[in-house]
Amino acid sequence: MSKDLTNSAVDRQNILNNPYAHAGIEKAAGVRRFPFEGNTGMLKEPVAMFFAVIVQPVATYLEQNTEELSQNGNEFLNCNLLQELKLAI
């Protein structure tokens, strides 16, 4: 039986906690995660490009799932943090 990530929070957390899964997803999707203030970050634009959608649906999905995603050290950057990130890069 295949796993259905849409219905299993445990299976999603297993992927979000798995650095090997991150590396494979990054490689396959061409989307890079980066360390920032003890967490990892990713920009919405490359994700939207991978799915061939505009940025807004990605932003909406992230907003709707902030709690689940943040349990694994993922953080959404506001304008002030984006400025800090730009300086750090």
N, C-alpha and C. Protein backbone atom coordinates (compact mmCIF):
# COMPACT_ATOMS: atom_id res chain seq x y z
N MET A 1 0.84 -1.18 0.00
CA MET A 1 0.00 0.00 0.00
C MET A 1 0.88 1.25 0.00
N SER A 2 0.65 2.14 -0.92
CA SER A 2 1.46 3.35 -0.99
C SER A 2 1.01 4.36 0.06
N LYS A 3 1.93 5.19 0.46
CA LYS A 3 1.62 6.19 1.47
C LYS A 3 0.94 7.38 0.81
N ASP A 4 -0.06 7.92 1.48
CA ASP A 4 -0.78 9.08 0.98
C ASP A 4 -0.43 10.26 1.87
N LEU A 5 0.48 11.10 1.40
CA LEU A 5 0.95 12.22 2.20
C LEU A 5 -0.13 13.25 2.47
N THR A 6 -1.20 13.25 1.68
CA THR A 6 -2.27 14.22 1.93
C THR A 6 -3.07 13.87 3.17
N ASN A 7 -3.02 12.61 3.59
CA ASN A 7 -3.81 12.18 4.74
C ASN A 7 -2.99 11.80 5.96
N SER A 8 -1.68 11.79 5.85
CA SER A 8 -0.85 11.29 6.95
C SER A 8 0.14 12.35 7.42
N ALA A 9 -0.18 12.99 8.53
CA ALA A 9 0.73 13.98 9.11
C ALA A 9 2.03 13.31 9.55
N VAL A 10 1.97 12.08 10.02
CA VAL A 10 3.17 11.36 10.45
C VAL A 10 4.11 11.14 9.27
N ASP A 11 3.58 10.72 8.14
CA ASP A 11 4.43 10.49 6.97
C ASP A 11 5.03 11.81 6.47
N ARG A 12 4.26 12.89 6.52
CA ARG A 12 4.80 14.19 6.11
C ARG A 12 5.92 14.62 7.04
N GLN A 13 5.74 14.42 8.35
CA GLN A 13 6.77 14.79 9.30
C GLN A 13 8.03 13.94 9.09
N ASN A 14 7.86 12.68 8.74
CA ASN A 14 9.02 11.83 8.46
C ASN A 14 9.84 12.39 7.30
N ILE A 15 9.18 12.91 6.29
CA ILE A 15 9.90 13.51 5.17
C ILE A 15 10.53 14.83 5.59
N LEU A 16 9.78 15.65 6.32
CA LEU A 16 10.31 16.95 6.74
C LEU A 16 11.49 16.80 7.69
N ASN A 17 11.59 15.68 8.39
CA ASN A 17 12.70 15.44 9.32
C ASN A 17 13.86 14.67 8.68
N ASN A 18 13.75 14.31 7.42
CA ASN A 18 14.72 13.44 6.78
C ASN A 18 15.66 14.23 5.87
N PRO A 19 16.93 14.41 6.28
CA PRO A 19 17.86 15.19 5.45
C PRO A 19 18.14 14.55 4.09
N TYR A 20 18.04 13.23 4.00
CA TYR A 20 18.25 12.56 2.71
C TYR A 20 17.09 12.87 1.76
N ALA A 21 15.88 12.94 2.31
CA ALA A 21 14.73 13.32 1.48
C ALA A 21 14.90 14.75 1.00
N HIS A 22 15.37 15.63 1.88
CA HIS A 22 15.58 17.04 1.49
C HIS A 22 16.54 17.12 0.32
N ALA A 23 17.66 16.39 0.43
CA ALA A 23 18.67 16.43 -0.63
C ALA A 23 18.10 15.91 -1.95
N GLY A 24 17.34 14.84 -1.90
CA GLY A 24 16.74 14.29 -3.12
C GLY A 24 15.73 15.22 -3.74
N ILE A 25 14.90 15.84 -2.90
CA ILE A 25 13.89 16.77 -3.39
C ILE A 25 14.57 17.99 -4.00
N GLU A 26 15.57 18.52 -3.31
CA GLU A 26 16.30 19.68 -3.83
C GLU A 26 16.91 19.38 -5.20
N LYS A 27 17.52 18.20 -5.30
CA LYS A 27 18.16 17.83 -6.57
C LYS A 27 17.12 17.65 -7.67
N ALA A 28 16.05 16.94 -7.39
CA ALA A 28 15.03 16.67 -8.40
C ALA A 28 14.28 17.93 -8.82
N ALA A 29 14.02 18.80 -7.86
CA ALA A 29 13.23 20.00 -8.15
C ALA A 29 14.10 21.19 -8.54
N GLY A 30 15.38 21.11 -8.26
CA GLY A 30 16.25 22.24 -8.54
C GLY A 30 15.98 23.41 -7.61
N VAL A 31 15.51 23.10 -6.41
CA VAL A 31 15.20 24.12 -5.40
C VAL A 31 16.17 23.94 -4.25
N ARG A 32 16.83 25.01 -3.86
CA ARG A 32 17.86 24.93 -2.83
C ARG A 32 17.35 25.47 -1.50
N ARG A 33 17.58 24.70 -0.44
CA ARG A 33 17.31 25.17 0.92
C ARG A 33 18.62 25.75 1.46
N PHE A 34 18.53 26.68 2.40
CA PHE A 34 19.73 27.30 2.93
C PHE A 34 19.57 27.52 4.42
N PRO A 35 20.69 27.45 5.16
CA PRO A 35 20.61 27.69 6.60
C PRO A 35 20.42 29.18 6.87
N PHE A 36 19.59 29.48 7.88
CA PHE A 36 19.37 30.86 8.26
C PHE A 36 18.87 30.91 9.69
N GLU A 37 19.62 31.55 10.57
CA GLU A 37 19.27 31.73 11.98
C GLU A 37 18.86 30.42 12.65
N GLY A 38 19.63 29.38 12.43
CA GLY A 38 19.37 28.10 13.08
C GLY A 38 18.27 27.26 12.43
N ASN A 39 17.65 27.76 11.41
CA ASN A 39 16.61 27.03 10.68
C ASN A 39 17.04 26.86 9.23
N THR A 40 16.15 26.35 8.43
CA THR A 40 16.43 26.28 7.00
C THR A 40 15.39 27.10 6.26
N GLY A 41 15.81 27.68 5.16
CA GLY A 41 14.92 28.52 4.38
C GLY A 41 14.87 28.07 2.93
N MET A 42 13.83 28.51 2.28
CA MET A 42 13.63 28.22 0.87
C MET A 42 12.81 29.38 0.31
N LEU A 43 13.11 29.78 -0.89
CA LEU A 43 12.35 30.87 -1.50
C LEU A 43 11.14 30.33 -2.25
N LYS A 44 10.05 31.08 -2.18
CA LYS A 44 8.80 30.64 -2.82
C LYS A 44 8.89 30.63 -4.34
N GLU A 45 9.64 31.54 -4.91
CA GLU A 45 9.69 31.66 -6.37
C GLU A 45 10.18 30.40 -7.07
N PRO A 46 11.31 29.80 -6.62
CA PRO A 46 11.74 28.56 -7.28
C PRO A 46 10.73 27.42 -7.12
N VAL A 47 10.06 27.37 -5.98
CA VAL A 47 9.04 26.34 -5.77
C VAL A 47 7.89 26.55 -6.76
N ALA A 48 7.46 27.80 -6.91
CA ALA A 48 6.39 28.11 -7.86
C ALA A 48 6.82 27.76 -9.29
N MET A 49 8.07 28.05 -9.62
CA MET A 49 8.57 27.72 -10.96
C MET A 49 8.54 26.21 -11.19
N PHE A 50 8.93 25.43 -10.17
CA PHE A 50 8.93 23.98 -10.30
C PHE A 50 7.52 23.46 -10.59
N PHE A 51 6.52 24.02 -9.90
CA PHE A 51 5.14 23.57 -10.08
C PHE A 51 4.43 24.30 -11.22
N ALA A 52 5.14 25.21 -11.88
CA ALA A 52 4.59 25.99 -13.00
C ALA A 52 3.32 26.72 -12.60
N VAL A 53 3.39 27.39 -11.45
CA VAL A 53 2.28 28.22 -10.98
C VAL A 53 2.84 29.58 -10.59
N ILE A 54 1.95 30.52 -10.38
CA ILE A 54 2.39 31.81 -9.86
C ILE A 54 2.69 31.65 -8.37
N VAL A 55 3.31 32.61 -7.76
CA VAL A 55 3.76 32.50 -6.37
C VAL A 55 2.59 32.45 -5.39
N GLN A 56 1.49 33.10 -5.68
CA GLN A 56 0.41 33.21 -4.71
C GLN A 56 -0.12 31.87 -4.20
N PRO A 57 -0.35 30.85 -5.05
CA PRO A 57 -0.81 29.57 -4.49
C PRO A 57 0.20 28.93 -3.54
N VAL A 58 1.48 29.10 -3.83
CA VAL A 58 2.51 28.57 -2.94
C VAL A 58 2.45 29.31 -1.61
N ALA A 59 2.33 30.63 -1.66
CA ALA A 59 2.25 31.43 -0.44
C ALA A 59 1.01 31.06 0.38
N THR A 60 -0.09 30.86 -0.28
CA THR A 60 -1.33 30.47 0.41
C THR A 60 -1.17 29.13 1.09
N TYR A 61 -0.61 28.16 0.38
CA TYR A 61 -0.38 26.83 0.96
C TYR A 61 0.52 26.92 2.19
N LEU A 62 1.60 27.70 2.08
CA LEU A 62 2.52 27.84 3.20
C LEU A 62 1.84 28.49 4.40
N GLU A 63 1.02 29.50 4.15
CA GLU A 63 0.29 30.15 5.24
C GLU A 63 -0.67 29.18 5.92
N GLN A 64 -1.35 28.36 5.13
CA GLN A 64 -2.32 27.42 5.67
C GLN A 64 -1.66 26.29 6.47
N ASN A 65 -0.39 26.04 6.21
CA ASN A 65 0.30 24.91 6.85
C ASN A 65 1.50 25.35 7.68
N THR A 66 1.50 26.60 8.11
CA THR A 66 2.63 27.15 8.86
C THR A 66 2.94 26.32 10.10
N GLU A 67 1.93 25.94 10.85
CA GLU A 67 2.16 25.21 12.10
C GLU A 67 2.89 23.89 11.85
N GLU A 68 2.40 23.13 10.89
CA GLU A 68 3.02 21.83 10.61
C GLU A 68 4.45 21.99 10.09
N LEU A 69 4.65 22.94 9.20
CA LEU A 69 5.98 23.13 8.62
C LEU A 69 6.98 23.68 9.64
N SER A 70 6.53 24.54 10.53
CA SER A 70 7.44 25.15 11.50
C SER A 70 7.90 24.16 12.56
N GLN A 71 7.22 23.04 12.72
CA GLN A 71 7.65 22.01 13.67
C GLN A 71 9.00 21.43 13.29
N ASN A 72 9.41 21.61 12.06
CA ASN A 72 10.66 21.05 11.57
C ASN A 72 11.72 22.11 11.30
N GLY A 73 11.55 23.28 11.87
CA GLY A 73 12.55 24.32 11.70
C GLY A 73 12.40 25.15 10.44
N ASN A 74 11.30 24.98 9.73
CA ASN A 74 11.05 25.82 8.56
C ASN A 74 10.41 27.11 9.03
N GLU A 75 10.84 28.20 8.46
CA GLU A 75 10.36 29.50 8.91
C GLU A 75 10.01 30.36 7.70
N PHE A 76 8.98 31.17 7.87
CA PHE A 76 8.56 32.08 6.82
C PHE A 76 9.16 33.44 7.14
N LEU A 77 9.85 33.98 6.18
CA LEU A 77 10.59 35.22 6.42
C LEU A 77 9.76 36.43 6.03
N ASN A 78 9.65 37.36 6.97
CA ASN A 78 8.99 38.62 6.65
C ASN A 78 10.01 39.57 6.04
N CYS A 79 9.61 40.77 5.74
CA CYS A 79 10.49 41.72 5.05
C CYS A 79 11.77 41.99 5.82
N ASN A 80 11.68 42.16 7.14
CA ASN A 80 12.88 42.45 7.93
C ASN A 80 13.85 41.28 7.89
N LEU A 81 13.34 40.06 8.05
CA LEU A 81 14.22 38.89 8.00
C LEU A 81 14.78 38.68 6.60
N LEU A 82 14.02 39.03 5.58
CA LEU A 82 14.54 38.90 4.21
C LEU A 82 15.73 39.83 4.00
N GLN A 83 15.67 41.02 4.58
CA GLN A 83 16.80 41.95 4.48
C GLN A 83 18.03 41.35 5.16
N GLU A 84 17.83 40.74 6.34
CA GLU A 84 18.94 40.09 7.04
C GLU A 84 19.51 38.94 6.22
N LEU A 85 18.62 38.17 5.59
CA LEU A 85 19.05 37.06 4.74
C LEU A 85 19.88 37.56 3.58
N LYS A 86 19.42 38.64 2.96
CA LYS A 86 20.13 39.20 1.82
C LYS A 86 21.54 39.62 2.23
N LEU A 87 21.67 40.20 3.40
CA LEU A 87 22.98 40.59 3.89
C LEU A 87 23.84 39.38 4.22
N ALA A 88 23.20 38.32 4.74
CA ALA A 88 23.94 37.12 5.10
C ALA A 88 24.46 36.39 3.87
N ILE A 89 23.68 36.42 2.79
CA ILE A 89 24.08 35.74 1.55
C ILE A 89 25.14 36.56 0.85
